[in-house]
Amino acid sequence: MTTTAATIRQIAPVVDAALAELWFAEAKAMAVVAGIEKAMRRLPEGAYRTAREEALVKAMDELDAIRDEIRPLAAIAKTGAWTRFVLVPGGHLHRGFYCSTLRTTTTTGLMPEYSGADEAEVVDLAGEVACTVCFPSAPVDRPTRIPALVAEREAREAEAAEKAAKKVAAQAAQIVVGRKVYKTQRAAENQISWEMESYVSRRFQAAQDDAHRAHLDNLAAEDLAAAQTIAQAIAQAVDGYDAAAILAKKFATKAKEYRKHGWDIPADAAL
C-alpha cells in the first residue's frame, strides 16, 4: 500500500512530536547515567558502592525504557522518510540534523509541526532564517513568517518599544537646573527641602556679632535662591505647578522641625 503525501502530512507531525519529547527524555536520562558513572569512578578504593550501583541500574533501566518507546516511532519515521526541519535557537532553519554547518555542540530543535510538509512551502515561510546551505534558493531577503519566530520578533519589538517609551517618559520627568539633572520631580523637591533646611538654619541661627549675622544672611539668601530656582524649573516642566506654594510649605515644615529642637523662630515667620 502506497502512503500518500496527505497521509504522511497527518502522521509525521504526530510521530515527530512524540519523538522530540522522547529524545529530550533520553538526553536527560543519559546525563543521569553519565553522572552516576562519573561519581562511581571517583569513589576511593573500598568505598561503599551498593547505593550508587543500585541507582545506576535504575537509571539505565529508565533509559532502556525510553529507548524502547523510541524504536517503533523511529521505525515509522524511517519508513515514511518524510521531510524534517530543524531550527537552531537564534539561528537558521535546516533540512534535518545533518547540515554541514551544524556541530555536535549546536543546540537544535526539531519542528514537528512542519514534519512531512512540502519543503518549498516551509522554506518560503522561513524566509530570512532559512539555511542557504540546506536551501540555496531560500528567500532570505524576506522576514520569516514562521508563527513561533514571528511571535518572538513581535515580543522583541514590543519590549524595545516599551523600553523606548520608558526612556522618553524618564526624560520627560527630568528636572534640569543648569547642569544639574534631577531624574524625577520628587528628587528635585527633595533638594528644595535640603536648601530650605539650610536657609532656615542660617536665617535663624544666633549670630556672634553683626559681621557674623551678615555672613549668615548672605548664605541664607543663596540657599533660598537655590530653592527658588529649582521650584521654578519644576514649574516650567510640570503644568499647574505652584512654585510659591511648595516653597512656603517646605519653609513651614522646616521651621516647625527647628522649633521642636528649641530654636527661637517666630510663629509668623515666613519667606
C-alpha atoms as a PDB file:
ATOM      1  CA  MET A   1       0.000   0.000   0.000  1.00  0.00           C
ATOM      2  CA  THR A   2       1.388   3.359  -1.006  1.00  0.00           C
ATOM      3  CA  THR A   3       1.409   6.067   1.651  1.00  0.00           C
ATOM      4  CA  THR A   4       0.075   9.297   0.201  1.00  0.00           C
ATOM      5  CA  ALA A   5       1.579  12.723   0.838  1.00  0.00           C
ATOM      6  CA  ALA A   6      -1.604  13.721   2.653  1.00  0.00           C
ATOM      7  CA  THR A   7      -1.320  10.721   4.972  1.00  0.00           C
ATOM      8  CA  ILE A   8       2.333  11.455   5.680  1.00  0.00           C
ATOM      9  CA  ARG A   9       1.441  15.064   6.452  1.00  0.00           C
ATOM     10  CA  GLN A  10      -1.015  13.775   9.049  1.00  0.00           C
ATOM     11  CA  ILE A  11       1.246  11.130  10.560  1.00  0.00           C
ATOM     12  CA  ALA A  12       4.610  12.895  10.522  1.00  0.00           C
ATOM     13  CA  PRO A  13       3.848  15.736  12.969  1.00  0.00           C
ATOM     14  CA  VAL A  14       2.349  13.327  15.487  1.00  0.00           C
ATOM     15  CA  VAL A  15       5.239  10.868  15.311  1.00  0.00           C
ATOM     16  CA  ASP A  16       7.921  13.569  15.371  1.00  0.00           C
ATOM     17  CA  ALA A  17       6.272  15.419  18.239  1.00  0.00           C
ATOM     18  CA  ALA A  18       6.371  12.219  20.271  1.00  0.00           C
ATOM     19  CA  LEU A  19       9.951  11.534  19.176  1.00  0.00           C
ATOM     20  CA  ALA A  20      11.085  15.040  20.084  1.00  0.00           C
ATOM     21  CA  GLU A  21       9.701  14.586  23.575  1.00  0.00           C
ATOM     22  CA  LEU A  22      11.290  11.164  23.914  1.00  0.00           C
ATOM     23  CA  TRP A  23      14.647  12.346  22.581  1.00  0.00           C
ATOM     24  CA  PHE A  24      14.650  15.062  25.217  1.00  0.00           C
ATOM     25  CA  ALA A  25      13.824  12.484  27.895  1.00  0.00           C
ATOM     26  CA  GLU A  26      16.561  10.219  26.522  1.00  0.00           C
ATOM     27  CA  ALA A  27      19.142  13.012  26.736  1.00  0.00           C
ATOM     28  CA  LYS A  28      18.185  13.691  30.356  1.00  0.00           C
ATOM     29  CA  ALA A  29      18.338  10.005  31.218  1.00  0.00           C
ATOM     30  CA  MET A  30      21.745   9.673  29.556  1.00  0.00           C
ATOM     31  CA  ALA A  31      23.005  12.599  31.606  1.00  0.00           C
ATOM     32  CA  VAL A  32      21.807  10.904  34.805  1.00  0.00           C
ATOM     33  CA  VAL A  33      23.592   7.668  33.880  1.00  0.00           C
ATOM     34  CA  ALA A  34      26.770   9.554  32.989  1.00  0.00           C
ATOM     35  CA  GLY A  35      26.633  11.471  36.263  1.00  0.00           C
ATOM     36  CA  ILE A  36      26.331   8.315  38.365  1.00  0.00           C
ATOM     37  CA  GLU A  37      29.123   6.604  36.438  1.00  0.00           C
ATOM     38  CA  LYS A  38      31.374   9.596  36.927  1.00  0.00           C
ATOM     39  CA  ALA A  39      30.631   9.653  40.661  1.00  0.00           C
ATOM     40  CA  MET A  40      31.440   5.940  40.883  1.00  0.00           C
ATOM     41  CA  ARG A  41      34.773   6.412  39.132  1.00  0.00           C
ATOM     42  CA  ARG A  42      35.720   9.000  41.730  1.00  0.00           C
ATOM     43  CA  LEU A  43      34.994   6.722  44.683  1.00  0.00           C
ATOM     44  CA  PRO A  44      38.120   5.693  46.593  1.00  0.00           C
ATOM     45  CA  GLU A  45      39.129   2.038  46.655  1.00  0.00           C
ATOM     46  CA  GLY A  46      37.000   0.080  49.101  1.00  0.00           C
ATOM     47  CA  ALA A  47      34.289   2.734  49.343  1.00  0.00           C
ATOM     48  CA  TYR A  48      30.677   1.667  49.772  1.00  0.00           C
ATOM     49  CA  ARG A  49      29.242   1.377  46.247  1.00  0.00           C
ATOM     50  CA  THR A  50      25.982  -0.530  46.626  1.00  0.00           C
ATOM     51  CA  ALA A  51      23.695   2.516  46.724  1.00  0.00           C
ATOM     52  CA  ARG A  52      25.291   4.006  43.619  1.00  0.00           C
ATOM     53  CA  GLU A  53      25.245   0.696  41.802  1.00  0.00           C
ATOM     54  CA  GLU A  54      21.536   0.348  42.522  1.00  0.00           C
ATOM     55  CA  ALA A  55      20.975   3.921  41.343  1.00  0.00           C
ATOM     56  CA  LEU A  56      22.892   3.184  38.148  1.00  0.00           C
ATOM     57  CA  VAL A  57      20.818   0.068  37.439  1.00  0.00           C
ATOM     58  CA  LYS A  58      17.627   2.047  37.948  1.00  0.00           C
ATOM     59  CA  ALA A  59      18.829   4.918  35.725  1.00  0.00           C
ATOM     60  CA  MET A  60      19.868   2.508  32.969  1.00  0.00           C
ATOM     61  CA  ASP A  61      16.525   0.725  33.175  1.00  0.00           C
ATOM     62  CA  GLU A  62      14.757   4.063  32.754  1.00  0.00           C
ATOM     63  CA  LEU A  63      16.987   4.887  29.788  1.00  0.00           C
ATOM     64  CA  ASP A  64      16.253   1.490  28.205  1.00  0.00           C
ATOM     65  CA  ALA A  65      12.518   2.037  28.709  1.00  0.00           C
ATOM     66  CA  ILE A  66      12.687   5.367  26.905  1.00  0.00           C
ATOM     67  CA  ARG A  67      14.635   3.819  24.056  1.00  0.00           C
ATOM     68  CA  ASP A  68      12.057   1.046  23.819  1.00  0.00           C
ATOM     69  CA  GLU A  69       9.445   3.750  23.215  1.00  0.00           C
ATOM     70  CA  ILE A  70      11.626   5.453  20.637  1.00  0.00           C
ATOM     71  CA  ARG A  71      12.307   2.395  18.438  1.00  0.00           C
ATOM     72  CA  PRO A  72       8.845   1.830  16.915  1.00  0.00           C
ATOM     73  CA  LEU A  73       8.362   5.533  16.289  1.00  0.00           C
ATOM     74  CA  ALA A  74      11.805   5.818  14.728  1.00  0.00           C
ATOM     75  CA  ALA A  75      10.960   2.833  12.514  1.00  0.00           C
ATOM     76  CA  ILE A  76       7.780   4.558  11.330  1.00  0.00           C
ATOM     77  CA  ALA A  77       9.717   7.728  10.593  1.00  0.00           C
ATOM     78  CA  LYS A  78      12.371   5.792   8.699  1.00  0.00           C
ATOM     79  CA  THR A  79       9.755   4.029   6.613  1.00  0.00           C
ATOM     80  CA  GLY A  80       7.918   7.245   5.887  1.00  0.00           C
ATOM     81  CA  ALA A  81      11.130   9.121   5.070  1.00  0.00           C
ATOM     82  CA  TRP A  82       9.357  12.431   5.432  1.00  0.00           C
ATOM     83  CA  THR A  83      10.779  15.915   5.418  1.00  0.00           C
ATOM     84  CA  ARG A  84      12.085  17.287   8.689  1.00  0.00           C
ATOM     85  CA  PHE A  85      13.005  20.813   9.647  1.00  0.00           C
ATOM     86  CA  VAL A  86      15.351  21.714  12.462  1.00  0.00           C
ATOM     87  CA  LEU A  87      15.731  25.152  13.999  1.00  0.00           C
ATOM     88  CA  VAL A  88      18.777  26.490  15.804  1.00  0.00           C
ATOM     89  CA  PRO A  89      17.609  28.926  18.515  1.00  0.00           C
ATOM     90  CA  GLY A  90      18.514  32.393  17.303  1.00  0.00           C
ATOM     91  CA  GLY A  91      19.912  30.811  14.123  1.00  0.00           C
ATOM     92  CA  HIS A  92      18.729  29.122  10.980  1.00  0.00           C
ATOM     93  CA  LEU A  93      16.210  26.553   9.837  1.00  0.00           C
ATOM     94  CA  HIS A  94      17.876  23.409   8.440  1.00  0.00           C
ATOM     95  CA  ARG A  95      16.865  20.332   6.471  1.00  0.00           C
ATOM     96  CA  GLY A  96      17.232  17.752   9.240  1.00  0.00           C
ATOM     97  CA  PHE A  97      20.065  17.372  11.718  1.00  0.00           C
ATOM     98  CA  TYR A  98      22.928  16.783   9.313  1.00  0.00           C
ATOM     99  CA  CYS A  99      23.711  20.151   7.741  1.00  0.00           C
ATOM    100  CA  SER A 100      27.470  20.702   7.371  1.00  0.00           C
ATOM    101  CA  THR A 101      27.141  23.999   9.237  1.00  0.00           C
ATOM    102  CA  LEU A 102      25.914  22.239  12.385  1.00  0.00           C
ATOM    103  CA  ARG A 103      28.334  21.000  15.014  1.00  0.00           C
ATOM    104  CA  THR A 104      27.794  18.277  17.572  1.00  0.00           C
ATOM    105  CA  THR A 105      27.565  21.014  20.207  1.00  0.00           C
ATOM    106  CA  THR A 106      24.989  23.064  18.296  1.00  0.00           C
ATOM    107  CA  THR A 107      21.649  23.298  20.064  1.00  0.00           C
ATOM    108  CA  THR A 108      18.910  22.261  17.678  1.00  0.00           C
ATOM    109  CA  GLY A 109      15.190  21.756  17.914  1.00  0.00           C
ATOM    110  CA  LEU A 110      13.023  19.630  15.686  1.00  0.00           C
ATOM    111  CA  MET A 111       9.931  21.476  14.441  1.00  0.00           C
ATOM    112  CA  PRO A 112       7.455  18.578  14.299  1.00  0.00           C
ATOM    113  CA  GLU A 113       4.585  20.803  13.190  1.00  0.00           C
ATOM    114  CA  TYR A 114       6.300  21.006   9.767  1.00  0.00           C
ATOM    115  CA  SER A 115       7.360  17.365   9.514  1.00  0.00           C
ATOM    116  CA  GLY A 116       6.130  15.862   6.265  1.00  0.00           C
ATOM    117  CA  ALA A 117       5.298  19.299   4.845  1.00  0.00           C
ATOM    118  CA  ASP A 118       6.210  20.457   1.372  1.00  0.00           C
ATOM    119  CA  GLU A 119       9.777  21.756   1.554  1.00  0.00           C
ATOM    120  CA  ALA A 120       9.198  24.710  -0.754  1.00  0.00           C
ATOM    121  CA  GLU A 121       6.305  25.936   1.388  1.00  0.00           C
ATOM    122  CA  VAL A 122       8.284  25.699   4.626  1.00  0.00           C
ATOM    123  CA  VAL A 123      11.327  27.420   3.117  1.00  0.00           C
ATOM    124  CA  ASP A 124       9.081  30.170   1.825  1.00  0.00           C
ATOM    125  CA  LEU A 125       7.718  30.591   5.345  1.00  0.00           C
ATOM    126  CA  ALA A 126      11.201  30.526   6.852  1.00  0.00           C
ATOM    127  CA  GLY A 127      12.441  33.379   4.677  1.00  0.00           C
ATOM    128  CA  GLU A 128      15.419  35.085   6.319  1.00  0.00           C
ATOM    129  CA  VAL A 129      16.086  32.228   8.758  1.00  0.00           C
ATOM    130  CA  ALA A 130      16.410  29.507   6.107  1.00  0.00           C
ATOM    131  CA  CYS A 131      19.883  27.964   5.890  1.00  0.00           C
ATOM    132  CA  THR A 132      21.327  28.708   2.450  1.00  0.00           C
ATOM    133  CA  VAL A 133      23.451  25.553   2.580  1.00  0.00           C
ATOM    134  CA  CYS A 134      20.346  23.414   3.012  1.00  0.00           C
ATOM    135  CA  PHE A 135      18.208  25.624   0.798  1.00  0.00           C
ATOM    136  CA  PRO A 136      20.386  27.586  -1.693  1.00  0.00           C
ATOM    137  CA  SER A 137      17.416  29.377  -3.226  1.00  0.00           C
ATOM    138  CA  ALA A 138      15.842  30.387   0.102  1.00  0.00           C
ATOM    139  CA  PRO A 139      14.184  33.848   0.084  1.00  0.00           C
ATOM    140  CA  VAL A 140      16.470  35.225   2.807  1.00  0.00           C
ATOM    141  CA  ASP A 141      15.595  38.799   1.853  1.00  0.00           C
ATOM    142  CA  ARG A 142      12.142  38.351   3.428  1.00  0.00           C
ATOM    143  CA  PRO A 143      11.224  38.365   7.127  1.00  0.00           C
ATOM    144  CA  THR A 144      10.292  34.959   8.437  1.00  0.00           C
ATOM    145  CA  ARG A 145       6.620  34.073   8.675  1.00  0.00           C
ATOM    146  CA  ILE A 146       7.035  31.030  10.910  1.00  0.00           C
ATOM    147  CA  PRO A 147       4.489  31.763  13.684  1.00  0.00           C
ATOM    148  CA  ALA A 148       6.789  30.923  16.605  1.00  0.00           C
ATOM    149  CA  LEU A 149       9.514  33.194  15.231  1.00  0.00           C
ATOM    150  CA  VAL A 150       7.047  35.928  14.370  1.00  0.00           C
ATOM    151  CA  ALA A 151       5.847  35.831  17.968  1.00  0.00           C
ATOM    152  CA  GLU A 152       9.437  36.108  19.195  1.00  0.00           C
ATOM    153  CA  ARG A 153      10.096  39.042  16.856  1.00  0.00           C
ATOM    154  CA  GLU A 154       6.935  40.816  17.948  1.00  0.00           C
ATOM    155  CA  ALA A 155       7.849  40.226  21.590  1.00  0.00           C
ATOM    156  CA  ARG A 156      11.294  41.757  20.991  1.00  0.00           C
ATOM    157  CA  GLU A 157       9.751  44.705  19.172  1.00  0.00           C
ATOM    158  CA  ALA A 158       7.219  45.213  21.965  1.00  0.00           C
ATOM    159  CA  GLU A 159       9.989  45.081  24.556  1.00  0.00           C
ATOM    160  CA  ALA A 160      12.062  47.583  22.580  1.00  0.00           C
ATOM    161  CA  ALA A 161       9.054  49.882  22.213  1.00  0.00           C
ATOM    162  CA  GLU A 162       8.362  49.633  25.936  1.00  0.00           C
ATOM    163  CA  LYS A 163      11.971  50.487  26.760  1.00  0.00           C
ATOM    164  CA  ALA A 164      11.860  53.424  24.346  1.00  0.00           C
ATOM    165  CA  ALA A 165       8.617  54.657  25.914  1.00  0.00           C
ATOM    166  CA  LYS A 166      10.092  54.378  29.395  1.00  0.00           C
ATOM    167  CA  LYS A 167      13.163  56.285  28.253  1.00  0.00           C
ATOM    168  CA  VAL A 168      11.013  59.051  26.806  1.00  0.00           C
ATOM    169  CA  ALA A 169       8.917  59.146  29.979  1.00  0.00           C
ATOM    170  CA  ALA A 170      12.041  59.243  32.134  1.00  0.00           C
ATOM    171  CA  GLN A 171      13.453  62.109  30.090  1.00  0.00           C
ATOM    172  CA  ALA A 172      10.154  63.948  30.297  1.00  0.00           C
ATOM    173  CA  ALA A 173      10.170  63.524  34.070  1.00  0.00           C
ATOM    174  CA  GLN A 174      13.620  65.042  34.447  1.00  0.00           C
ATOM    175  CA  ILE A 175      14.025  68.444  36.041  1.00  0.00           C
ATOM    176  CA  VAL A 176      17.019  70.320  34.663  1.00  0.00           C
ATOM    177  CA  VAL A 177      18.571  73.106  36.706  1.00  0.00           C
ATOM    178  CA  GLY A 178      21.656  74.422  34.973  1.00  0.00           C
ATOM    179  CA  ARG A 179      23.985  71.460  34.657  1.00  0.00           C
ATOM    180  CA  LYS A 180      22.180  69.527  37.350  1.00  0.00           C
ATOM    181  CA  VAL A 181      19.623  66.956  36.222  1.00  0.00           C
ATOM    182  CA  TYR A 182      17.099  65.533  38.687  1.00  0.00           C
ATOM    183  CA  LYS A 183      15.597  62.290  37.440  1.00  0.00           C
ATOM    184  CA  THR A 184      12.187  62.972  38.981  1.00  0.00           C
ATOM    185  CA  GLN A 185      10.097  65.795  40.381  1.00  0.00           C
ATOM    186  CA  ARG A 186      10.406  64.181  43.775  1.00  0.00           C
ATOM    187  CA  ALA A 187      14.198  64.230  43.595  1.00  0.00           C
ATOM    188  CA  ALA A 188      14.094  67.931  42.759  1.00  0.00           C
ATOM    189  CA  GLU A 189      11.694  68.643  45.622  1.00  0.00           C
ATOM    190  CA  ASN A 190      13.958  66.703  47.987  1.00  0.00           C
ATOM    191  CA  GLN A 191      16.726  69.104  47.022  1.00  0.00           C
ATOM    192  CA  ILE A 192      14.383  72.022  47.719  1.00  0.00           C
ATOM    193  CA  SER A 193      13.877  70.563  51.205  1.00  0.00           C
ATOM    194  CA  TRP A 194      17.620  70.445  51.747  1.00  0.00           C
ATOM    195  CA  GLU A 195      18.107  74.010  50.520  1.00  0.00           C
ATOM    196  CA  MET A 196      15.225  75.170  52.718  1.00  0.00           C
ATOM    197  CA  GLU A 197      16.685  73.451  55.755  1.00  0.00           C
ATOM    198  CA  SER A 198      19.967  75.269  55.146  1.00  0.00           C
ATOM    199  CA  TYR A 199      18.059  78.507  54.693  1.00  0.00           C
ATOM    200  CA  VAL A 200      16.119  78.151  57.968  1.00  0.00           C
ATOM    201  CA  SER A 201      19.174  77.101  59.974  1.00  0.00           C
ATOM    202  CA  ARG A 202      21.226  80.065  58.770  1.00  0.00           C
ATOM    203  CA  ARG A 203      18.479  82.671  58.873  1.00  0.00           C
ATOM    204  CA  PHE A 204      17.528  81.881  62.476  1.00  0.00           C
ATOM    205  CA  GLN A 205      20.940  80.900  63.829  1.00  0.00           C
ATOM    206  CA  ALA A 206      22.139  83.105  66.702  1.00  0.00           C
ATOM    207  CA  ALA A 207      24.960  85.293  65.384  1.00  0.00           C
ATOM    208  CA  GLN A 208      28.105  86.161  67.309  1.00  0.00           C
ATOM    209  CA  ASP A 209      28.181  89.725  66.021  1.00  0.00           C
ATOM    210  CA  ASP A 210      26.982  91.921  63.171  1.00  0.00           C
ATOM    211  CA  ALA A 211      29.583  90.563  60.738  1.00  0.00           C
ATOM    212  CA  HIS A 212      28.565  87.012  61.524  1.00  0.00           C
ATOM    213  CA  ARG A 213      24.915  87.978  61.083  1.00  0.00           C
ATOM    214  CA  ALA A 214      25.636  89.457  57.663  1.00  0.00           C
ATOM    215  CA  HIS A 215      27.542  86.332  56.660  1.00  0.00           C
ATOM    216  CA  LEU A 216      24.709  84.043  57.742  1.00  0.00           C
ATOM    217  CA  ASP A 217      22.144  86.210  55.953  1.00  0.00           C
ATOM    218  CA  ASN A 218      24.174  86.055  52.730  1.00  0.00           C
ATOM    219  CA  LEU A 219      24.369  82.270  52.942  1.00  0.00           C
ATOM    220  CA  ALA A 220      20.655  82.041  53.697  1.00  0.00           C
ATOM    221  CA  ALA A 221      19.901  84.228  50.662  1.00  0.00           C
ATOM    222  CA  GLU A 222      21.931  81.852  48.493  1.00  0.00           C
ATOM    223  CA  ASP A 223      20.065  78.860  49.906  1.00  0.00           C
ATOM    224  CA  LEU A 224      16.695  80.469  49.237  1.00  0.00           C
ATOM    225  CA  ALA A 225      17.726  81.457  45.719  1.00  0.00           C
ATOM    226  CA  ALA A 226      18.776  77.863  45.024  1.00  0.00           C
ATOM    227  CA  ALA A 227      15.426  76.542  46.291  1.00  0.00           C
ATOM    228  CA  GLN A 228      13.538  79.103  44.215  1.00  0.00           C
ATOM    229  CA  THR A 229      15.488  78.202  41.080  1.00  0.00           C
ATOM    230  CA  ILE A 230      14.654  74.520  41.457  1.00  0.00           C
ATOM    231  CA  ALA A 231      10.986  75.248  42.156  1.00  0.00           C
ATOM    232  CA  GLN A 232      10.796  77.446  39.066  1.00  0.00           C
ATOM    233  CA  ALA A 233      12.413  74.711  36.968  1.00  0.00           C
ATOM    234  CA  ILE A 234       9.752  72.265  38.161  1.00  0.00           C
ATOM    235  CA  ALA A 235       7.036  74.795  37.337  1.00  0.00           C
ATOM    236  CA  GLN A 236       8.355  75.054  33.776  1.00  0.00           C
ATOM    237  CA  ALA A 237       8.260  71.269  33.380  1.00  0.00           C
ATOM    238  CA  VAL A 238       5.011  70.490  35.211  1.00  0.00           C
ATOM    239  CA  ASP A 239       1.763  72.153  34.201  1.00  0.00           C
ATOM    240  CA  GLY A 240      -0.056  73.836  37.076  1.00  0.00           C
ATOM    241  CA  TYR A 241       2.850  73.535  39.490  1.00  0.00           C
ATOM    242  CA  ASP A 242       2.737  76.233  42.191  1.00  0.00           C
ATOM    243  CA  ALA A 243       6.370  77.070  42.963  1.00  0.00           C
ATOM    244  CA  ALA A 244       5.499  79.647  45.619  1.00  0.00           C
ATOM    245  CA  ALA A 245       3.220  77.215  47.444  1.00  0.00           C
ATOM    246  CA  ILE A 246       5.836  74.444  47.582  1.00  0.00           C
ATOM    247  CA  LEU A 247       8.465  76.875  48.860  1.00  0.00           C
ATOM    248  CA  ALA A 248       6.107  78.142  51.574  1.00  0.00           C
ATOM    249  CA  LYS A 249       5.225  74.568  52.551  1.00  0.00           C
ATOM    250  CA  LYS A 250       8.852  73.484  52.745  1.00  0.00           C
ATOM    251  CA  PHE A 251       9.708  76.560  54.822  1.00  0.00           C
ATOM    252  CA  ALA A 252       6.848  75.923  57.250  1.00  0.00           C
ATOM    253  CA  THR A 253       7.869  72.271  57.641  1.00  0.00           C
ATOM    254  CA  LYS A 254      11.500  73.077  58.371  1.00  0.00           C
ATOM    255  CA  ALA A 255      10.643  75.929  60.710  1.00  0.00           C
ATOM    256  CA  LYS A 256       8.358  73.594  62.696  1.00  0.00           C
ATOM    257  CA  GLU A 257      11.133  70.997  62.963  1.00  0.00           C
ATOM    258  CA  TYR A 258      13.620  73.549  64.259  1.00  0.00           C
ATOM    259  CA  ARG A 259      11.141  74.893  66.795  1.00  0.00           C
ATOM    260  CA  LYS A 260      10.799  71.350  68.189  1.00  0.00           C
ATOM    261  CA  HIS A 261      14.551  71.391  68.742  1.00  0.00           C
ATOM    262  CA  GLY A 262      14.366  74.616  70.723  1.00  0.00           C
ATOM    263  CA  TRP A 263      15.112  77.207  68.067  1.00  0.00           C
ATOM    264  CA  ASP A 264      13.541  80.617  68.530  1.00  0.00           C
ATOM    265  CA  ILE A 265      11.592  81.018  65.316  1.00  0.00           C
ATOM    266  CA  PRO A 266       8.560  83.335  65.414  1.00  0.00           C
ATOM    267  CA  ALA A 267       5.214  81.674  64.732  1.00  0.00           C
ATOM    268  CA  ASP A 268       4.510  84.200  61.960  1.00  0.00           C
ATOM    269  CA  ALA A 269       7.911  83.759  60.300  1.00  0.00           C
ATOM    270  CA  ALA A 270       7.644  83.483  56.528  1.00  0.00           C
ATOM    271  CA  LEU A 271       9.831  83.639  53.440  1.00  0.00           C
END
